[in-house]
C-alpha atoms as a PDB file:
ATOM      1  CA  MET A   1      57.024 229.655 101.282  1.00  0.00           C
ATOM      2  CA  GLU A   2      55.821 226.130 100.661  1.00  0.00           C
ATOM      3  CA  LYS A   3      53.229 226.407 103.414  1.00  0.00           C
ATOM      4  CA  PHE A   4      51.995 229.661 101.924  1.00  0.00           C
ATOM      5  CA  ALA A   5      51.722 228.124  98.455  1.00  0.00           C
ATOM      6  CA  ILE A   6      49.917 225.056  99.806  1.00  0.00           C
ATOM      7  CA  GLY A   7      47.600 227.298 101.836  1.00  0.00           C
ATOM      8  CA  LEU A   8      46.945 229.464  98.778  1.00  0.00           C
ATOM      9  CA  ILE A   9      46.148 226.440  96.610  1.00  0.00           C
ATOM     10  CA  LEU A  10      43.905 224.880  99.255  1.00  0.00           C
ATOM     11  CA  GLY A  11      42.173 228.205  99.805  1.00  0.00           C
ATOM     12  CA  ALA A  12      41.611 228.655  96.080  1.00  0.00           C
ATOM     13  CA  LEU A  13      40.250 225.114  95.747  1.00  0.00           C
ATOM     14  CA  GLY A  14      38.042 225.578  98.805  1.00  0.00           C
ATOM     15  CA  GLY A  15      36.776 228.891  97.462  1.00  0.00           C
ATOM     16  CA  ALA A  16      36.099 227.360  94.059  1.00  0.00           C
ATOM     17  CA  LEU A  17      34.160 224.523  95.699  1.00  0.00           C
ATOM     18  CA  LEU A  18      32.153 226.977  97.792  1.00  0.00           C
ATOM     19  CA  VAL A  19      31.338 229.105  94.753  1.00  0.00           C
ATOM     20  CA  THR A  20      30.345 226.015  92.764  1.00  0.00           C
ATOM     21  CA  ASN A  21      28.262 224.670  95.623  1.00  0.00           C
ATOM     22  CA  ASN A  22      26.666 228.056  96.187  1.00  0.00           C
ATOM     23  CA  TYR A  23      25.786 228.277  92.502  1.00  0.00           C
ATOM     24  CA  LYS A  24      24.344 224.761  92.622  1.00  0.00           C
ATOM     25  CA  MET A  25      22.447 225.594  95.810  1.00  0.00           C
ATOM     26  CA  ARG A  26      21.066 228.816  94.329  1.00  0.00           C
ATOM     27  CA  THR A  27      20.014 226.915  91.225  1.00  0.00           C
ATOM     28  CA  LEU A  28      18.450 224.162  93.325  1.00  0.00           C
ATOM     29  CA  VAL A  29      16.632 226.637  95.559  1.00  0.00           C
ATOM     30  CA  LYS A  30      15.416 228.610  92.554  1.00  0.00           C
ATOM     31  CA  LYS A  31      14.176 225.409  90.891  1.00  0.00           C
ATOM     32  CA  SER A  32      12.429 224.315  94.088  1.00  0.00           C
ATOM     33  CA  GLN A  33      10.784 227.715  94.463  1.00  0.00           C
ATOM     34  CA  GLU A  34       9.535 227.561  90.879  1.00  0.00           C
ATOM     35  CA  GLU A  35       8.118 224.069  91.436  1.00  0.00           C
ATOM     36  CA  VAL A  36       6.359 225.125  94.626  1.00  0.00           C
ATOM     37  CA  GLN A  37       4.985 228.246  92.919  1.00  0.00           C
ATOM     38  CA  ALA A  38       3.711 226.150  89.999  1.00  0.00           C
ATOM     39  CA  LYS A  39       1.963 223.738  92.380  1.00  0.00           C
ATOM     40  CA  LEU A  40       0.424 226.617  94.331  1.00  0.00           C
ATOM     41  CA  ASP A  41      -0.784 228.221  91.112  1.00  0.00           C
ATOM     42  CA  GLU A  42      -2.303 224.920  90.021  1.00  0.00           C
ATOM     43  CA  LEU A  43      -4.055 224.461  93.372  1.00  0.00           C
ATOM     44  CA  MET A  44      -5.370 228.018  93.307  1.00  0.00           C
ATOM     45  CA  ASP A  45      -6.682 227.532  89.759  1.00  0.00           C
ATOM     46  CA  GLU A  46      -8.476 224.353  90.857  1.00  0.00           C
ATOM     47  CA  LYS A  47     -10.012 226.138  93.858  1.00  0.00           C
ATOM     48  CA  ILE A  48     -11.137 229.040  91.674  1.00  0.00           C
ATOM     49  CA  ARG A  49     -12.689 226.663  89.131  1.00  0.00           C
ATOM     50  CA  ALA A  50     -14.494 224.793  91.908  1.00  0.00           C
ATOM     51  CA  MET A  51     -15.799 228.056  93.360  1.00  0.00           C
ATOM     52  CA  GLU A  52     -16.994 229.222  89.932  1.00  0.00           C
ATOM     53  CA  GLU A  53     -18.773 225.917  89.318  1.00  0.00           C
ATOM     54  CA  SER A  54     -20.380 226.091  92.743  1.00  0.00           C
ATOM     55  CA  ALA A  55     -21.504 229.654  92.098  1.00  0.00           C
ATOM     56  CA  GLU A  56     -22.997 228.664  88.732  1.00  0.00           C
ATOM     57  CA  GLU A  57     -24.844 225.741  90.336  1.00  0.00           C
ATOM     58  CA  THR A  58     -26.178 228.056  93.037  1.00  0.00           C
ATOM     59  CA  VAL A  59     -27.366 230.581  90.449  1.00  0.00           C
ATOM     60  CA  ASP A  60     -29.112 227.831  88.474  1.00  0.00           C
ATOM     61  CA  SER A  61     -30.738 226.504  91.641  1.00  0.00           C
ATOM     62  CA  VAL A  62     -31.940 229.956  92.646  1.00  0.00           C
ATOM     63  CA  LYS A  63     -33.345 230.589  89.163  1.00  0.00           C
ATOM     64  CA  GLU A  64     -35.215 227.273  89.301  1.00  0.00           C
ATOM     65  CA  THR A  65     -36.624 228.018  92.735  1.00  0.00           C
ATOM     66  CA  VAL A  66     -37.719 231.501  91.699  1.00  0.00           C
ATOM     67  CA  LYS A  67     -39.387 230.130  88.569  1.00  0.00           C
ATOM     68  CA  GLU A  68     -41.253 227.499  90.619  1.00  0.00           C
ATOM     69  CA  ASN A  69     -42.394 230.096  93.136  1.00  0.00           C
ATOM     70  CA  VAL A  70     -43.550 232.441  90.362  1.00  0.00           C
ATOM     71  CA  ASP A  71     -45.533 229.598  88.788  1.00  0.00           C
ATOM     72  CA  LYS A  72     -47.135 228.763  92.165  1.00  0.00           C
ATOM     73  CA  LEU A  73     -48.062 232.398  92.726  1.00  0.00           C
ATOM     74  CA  LYS A  74     -49.553 232.686  89.251  1.00  0.00           C
ATOM     75  CA  SER A  75     -51.682 229.610  89.827  1.00  0.00           C
ATOM     76  CA  LYS A  76     -52.854 230.980  93.201  1.00  0.00           C
ATOM     77  CA  VAL A  77     -53.683 234.315  91.638  1.00  0.00           C
ATOM     78  CA  GLN A  78     -55.640 232.600  88.857  1.00  0.00           C
ATOM     79  CA  LYS A  79     -57.562 230.516  91.432  1.00  0.00           C
ATOM     80  CA  GLU A  80     -58.400 233.622  93.417  1.00  0.00           C
ATOM     81  CA  ALA A  81     -59.462 235.457  90.267  1.00  0.00           C
ATOM     82  CA  LYS A  82     -61.859 232.641  89.351  1.00  0.00           C
ATOM     83  CA  GLN A  83     -63.563 232.784  92.715  1.00  0.00           C
END
């Protein structure tokens, strides 16, 4: 009977420790997952911002180039018209 009682107590303590550790592990894993997700979100936001800025710069550059080419063509047309 004593062995059974000791085994029961040890089993209960071991089970309680496992449950506590599992809860701590689940909490730790959940926290780690949230941290990783937050970092990934931050990195993705930075990449998206960089891509948007690059796209805006490209659009501005293209507009400038088109404007310059239009001005050149107008001046050529005016020269040809004078001749």
